[in-house]
Amino acid sequence: MSFSEVVARSELELERAGLTDDELLLLAELAKGVTVDRVGRRLDVSGRTVRRRLRGICDRIGVATAIEAVAWAARRRLI
């Protein structure tokens, strides 16, 4: 991997705030209006697990609500 590829990858990881692909999928589904329970079924986890993951995402990116988390990801064109 070249230096520029390493730098680009580091910038992307920093921009993503350490969010996993599943976490970004969760936010993308919420942005489409999919319910938490339906997201859980798609990810093969319970709605309660989705809510817990969503709280973790909010804590990590420094927002208070799921709506703010979706907006945060959308502004960064992650979803």
N, C-alpha and C. Protein backbone atom coordinates (compact mmCIF):
# COMPACT_ATOMS: atom_id res chain seq x y z
N MET A 1 0.85 -1.17 0.00
CA MET A 1 0.00 0.00 0.00
C MET A 1 0.90 1.23 0.00
N SER A 2 0.57 2.17 -0.88
CA SER A 2 1.37 3.39 -0.98
C SER A 2 1.04 4.34 0.17
N PHE A 3 1.89 5.32 0.35
CA PHE A 3 1.69 6.31 1.40
C PHE A 3 0.37 7.05 1.21
N SER A 4 0.08 7.44 -0.02
CA SER A 4 -1.16 8.19 -0.27
C SER A 4 -2.39 7.33 0.01
N GLU A 5 -2.31 6.02 -0.25
CA GLU A 5 -3.41 5.13 0.06
C GLU A 5 -3.61 5.02 1.57
N VAL A 6 -2.49 4.98 2.31
CA VAL A 6 -2.56 4.91 3.77
C VAL A 6 -3.20 6.18 4.32
N VAL A 7 -2.78 7.33 3.80
CA VAL A 7 -3.33 8.61 4.25
C VAL A 7 -4.82 8.68 3.94
N ALA A 8 -5.21 8.30 2.72
CA ALA A 8 -6.62 8.34 2.33
C ALA A 8 -7.44 7.42 3.22
N ARG A 9 -6.90 6.24 3.50
CA ARG A 9 -7.62 5.29 4.36
C ARG A 9 -7.76 5.84 5.78
N SER A 10 -6.72 6.45 6.30
CA SER A 10 -6.76 7.03 7.64
C SER A 10 -7.79 8.15 7.71
N GLU A 11 -7.84 8.98 6.68
CA GLU A 11 -8.81 10.07 6.66
C GLU A 11 -10.23 9.52 6.62
N LEU A 12 -10.46 8.47 5.84
CA LEU A 12 -11.79 7.88 5.78
C LEU A 12 -12.18 7.29 7.13
N GLU A 13 -11.25 6.60 7.78
CA GLU A 13 -11.54 6.02 9.08
C GLU A 13 -11.82 7.10 10.11
N LEU A 14 -11.08 8.20 10.05
CA LEU A 14 -11.33 9.31 10.97
C LEU A 14 -12.70 9.91 10.69
N GLU A 15 -13.04 10.09 9.41
CA GLU A 15 -14.32 10.66 9.05
C GLU A 15 -15.47 9.76 9.47
N ARG A 16 -15.26 8.45 9.42
CA ARG A 16 -16.30 7.50 9.80
C ARG A 16 -16.41 7.37 11.32
N ALA A 17 -15.50 7.96 12.06
CA ALA A 17 -15.51 7.92 13.53
C ALA A 17 -15.53 6.50 14.06
N GLY A 18 -14.91 5.60 13.32
CA GLY A 18 -14.83 4.22 13.78
C GLY A 18 -16.12 3.43 13.60
N LEU A 19 -17.08 3.96 12.84
CA LEU A 19 -18.33 3.24 12.65
C LEU A 19 -18.11 2.05 11.71
N THR A 20 -18.71 0.94 12.08
CA THR A 20 -18.60 -0.27 11.26
C THR A 20 -19.57 -0.21 10.09
N ASP A 21 -19.40 -1.11 9.15
CA ASP A 21 -20.33 -1.18 8.02
C ASP A 21 -21.75 -1.45 8.50
N ASP A 22 -21.92 -2.33 9.50
CA ASP A 22 -23.25 -2.61 10.04
C ASP A 22 -23.86 -1.37 10.69
N GLU A 23 -23.04 -0.59 11.38
CA GLU A 23 -23.55 0.63 12.01
C GLU A 23 -23.98 1.64 10.95
N LEU A 24 -23.21 1.75 9.89
CA LEU A 24 -23.60 2.65 8.80
C LEU A 24 -24.86 2.15 8.10
N LEU A 25 -24.98 0.84 7.96
CA LEU A 25 -26.20 0.26 7.39
C LEU A 25 -27.39 0.59 8.28
N LEU A 26 -27.22 0.46 9.57
CA LEU A 26 -28.28 0.79 10.52
C LEU A 26 -28.74 2.24 10.32
N LEU A 27 -27.79 3.16 10.25
CA LEU A 27 -28.13 4.57 10.05
C LEU A 27 -28.79 4.80 8.70
N ALA A 28 -28.32 4.12 7.67
CA ALA A 28 -28.90 4.27 6.33
C ALA A 28 -30.34 3.78 6.30
N GLU A 29 -30.60 2.68 6.96
CA GLU A 29 -31.96 2.15 7.01
C GLU A 29 -32.88 3.10 7.78
N LEU A 30 -32.40 3.65 8.88
CA LEU A 30 -33.21 4.61 9.63
C LEU A 30 -33.49 5.85 8.78
N ALA A 31 -32.50 6.27 7.99
CA ALA A 31 -32.68 7.43 7.12
C ALA A 31 -33.78 7.18 6.09
N LYS A 32 -33.98 5.93 5.70
CA LYS A 32 -35.03 5.58 4.74
C LYS A 32 -36.40 5.47 5.41
N GLY A 33 -36.42 5.55 6.74
CA GLY A 33 -37.68 5.45 7.45
C GLY A 33 -38.02 4.05 7.93
N VAL A 34 -37.06 3.15 7.84
CA VAL A 34 -37.27 1.78 8.30
C VAL A 34 -37.30 1.78 9.82
N THR A 35 -38.22 1.04 10.41
CA THR A 35 -38.33 1.00 11.87
C THR A 35 -37.16 0.25 12.50
N VAL A 36 -36.94 0.53 13.77
CA VAL A 36 -35.86 -0.12 14.51
C VAL A 36 -36.05 -1.63 14.52
N ASP A 37 -37.27 -2.08 14.73
CA ASP A 37 -37.52 -3.52 14.76
C ASP A 37 -37.25 -4.17 13.41
N ARG A 38 -37.62 -3.49 12.34
CA ARG A 38 -37.37 -4.04 11.00
C ARG A 38 -35.87 -4.05 10.70
N VAL A 39 -35.15 -3.01 11.12
CA VAL A 39 -33.68 -3.00 10.96
C VAL A 39 -33.10 -4.19 11.71
N GLY A 40 -33.60 -4.45 12.90
CA GLY A 40 -33.14 -5.60 13.68
C GLY A 40 -33.33 -6.90 12.93
N ARG A 41 -34.49 -7.06 12.32
CA ARG A 41 -34.74 -8.29 11.55
C ARG A 41 -33.77 -8.40 10.38
N ARG A 42 -33.50 -7.29 9.71
CA ARG A 42 -32.57 -7.31 8.57
C ARG A 42 -31.15 -7.65 9.01
N LEU A 43 -30.77 -7.19 10.22
CA LEU A 43 -29.43 -7.46 10.74
C LEU A 43 -29.38 -8.74 11.57
N ASP A 44 -30.52 -9.39 11.70
CA ASP A 44 -30.65 -10.63 12.47
C ASP A 44 -30.32 -10.43 13.95
N VAL A 45 -30.80 -9.31 14.49
CA VAL A 45 -30.68 -9.01 15.92
C VAL A 45 -32.01 -8.45 16.40
N SER A 46 -32.18 -8.33 17.70
CA SER A 46 -33.43 -7.80 18.24
C SER A 46 -33.49 -6.28 18.11
N GLY A 47 -34.69 -5.75 18.20
CA GLY A 47 -34.86 -4.30 18.21
C GLY A 47 -34.12 -3.67 19.38
N ARG A 48 -34.11 -4.39 20.50
CA ARG A 48 -33.40 -3.89 21.68
C ARG A 48 -31.90 -3.76 21.40
N THR A 49 -31.34 -4.72 20.68
CA THR A 49 -29.92 -4.66 20.32
C THR A 49 -29.66 -3.49 19.38
N VAL A 50 -30.58 -3.26 18.45
CA VAL A 50 -30.43 -2.12 17.53
C VAL A 50 -30.43 -0.82 18.33
N ARG A 51 -31.33 -0.70 19.30
CA ARG A 51 -31.38 0.52 20.12
C ARG A 51 -30.08 0.70 20.92
N ARG A 52 -29.55 -0.40 21.45
CA ARG A 52 -28.29 -0.32 22.21
C ARG A 52 -27.15 0.11 21.29
N ARG A 53 -27.11 -0.47 20.09
CA ARG A 53 -26.06 -0.08 19.13
C ARG A 53 -26.20 1.38 18.74
N LEU A 54 -27.44 1.82 18.58
CA LEU A 54 -27.68 3.20 18.21
C LEU A 54 -27.22 4.16 19.31
N ARG A 55 -27.46 3.79 20.57
CA ARG A 55 -26.95 4.62 21.68
C ARG A 55 -25.42 4.70 21.63
N GLY A 56 -24.79 3.57 21.32
CA GLY A 56 -23.33 3.55 21.21
C GLY A 56 -22.83 4.44 20.09
N ILE A 57 -23.52 4.41 18.97
CA ILE A 57 -23.16 5.27 17.84
C ILE A 57 -23.27 6.73 18.25
N CYS A 58 -24.40 7.08 18.87
CA CYS A 58 -24.63 8.47 19.30
C CYS A 58 -23.54 8.92 20.27
N ASP A 59 -23.20 8.08 21.22
CA ASP A 59 -22.14 8.43 22.17
C ASP A 59 -20.81 8.64 21.46
N ARG A 60 -20.50 7.77 20.52
CA ARG A 60 -19.21 7.84 19.84
C ARG A 60 -19.07 9.08 18.97
N ILE A 61 -20.16 9.48 18.31
CA ILE A 61 -20.05 10.64 17.41
C ILE A 61 -20.48 11.94 18.08
N GLY A 62 -20.95 11.85 19.31
CA GLY A 62 -21.24 13.05 20.08
C GLY A 62 -22.56 13.71 19.77
N VAL A 63 -23.58 12.90 19.52
CA VAL A 63 -24.92 13.45 19.30
C VAL A 63 -25.87 12.83 20.31
N ALA A 64 -27.07 13.40 20.43
CA ALA A 64 -27.99 12.95 21.46
C ALA A 64 -29.10 12.02 20.96
N THR A 65 -29.43 12.11 19.67
CA THR A 65 -30.57 11.34 19.17
C THR A 65 -30.23 10.61 17.89
N ALA A 66 -31.10 9.65 17.55
CA ALA A 66 -30.93 8.90 16.31
C ALA A 66 -31.04 9.83 15.10
N ILE A 67 -31.93 10.80 15.17
CA ILE A 67 -32.10 11.75 14.06
C ILE A 67 -30.80 12.52 13.84
N GLU A 68 -30.17 12.95 14.93
CA GLU A 68 -28.90 13.67 14.80
C GLU A 68 -27.82 12.75 14.24
N ALA A 69 -27.84 11.48 14.63
CA ALA A 69 -26.85 10.52 14.12
C ALA A 69 -27.02 10.32 12.61
N VAL A 70 -28.26 10.21 12.17
CA VAL A 70 -28.52 10.06 10.74
C VAL A 70 -28.07 11.31 9.99
N ALA A 71 -28.38 12.48 10.53
CA ALA A 71 -27.96 13.74 9.90
C ALA A 71 -26.45 13.85 9.85
N TRP A 72 -25.78 13.45 10.93
CA TRP A 72 -24.31 13.48 11.00
C TRP A 72 -23.72 12.63 9.88
N ALA A 73 -24.24 11.42 9.72
CA ALA A 73 -23.73 10.51 8.70
C ALA A 73 -24.04 11.02 7.29
N ALA A 74 -25.22 11.60 7.12
CA ALA A 74 -25.61 12.13 5.81
C ALA A 74 -24.73 13.31 5.41
N ARG A 75 -24.44 14.19 6.36
CA ARG A 75 -23.57 15.35 6.05
C ARG A 75 -22.20 14.91 5.60
N ARG A 76 -21.73 13.78 6.10
CA ARG A 76 -20.41 13.27 5.73
C ARG A 76 -20.49 12.32 4.54
N ARG A 77 -21.67 12.20 3.98
CA ARG A 77 -21.93 11.33 2.82
C ARG A 77 -21.51 9.89 3.09
N LEU A 78 -21.77 9.44 4.30
CA LEU A 78 -21.47 8.07 4.68
C LEU A 78 -22.67 7.16 4.42
N ILE A 79 -23.83 7.79 4.29
CA ILE A 79 -25.04 7.01 4.00
C ILE A 79 -25.76 7.66 2.84
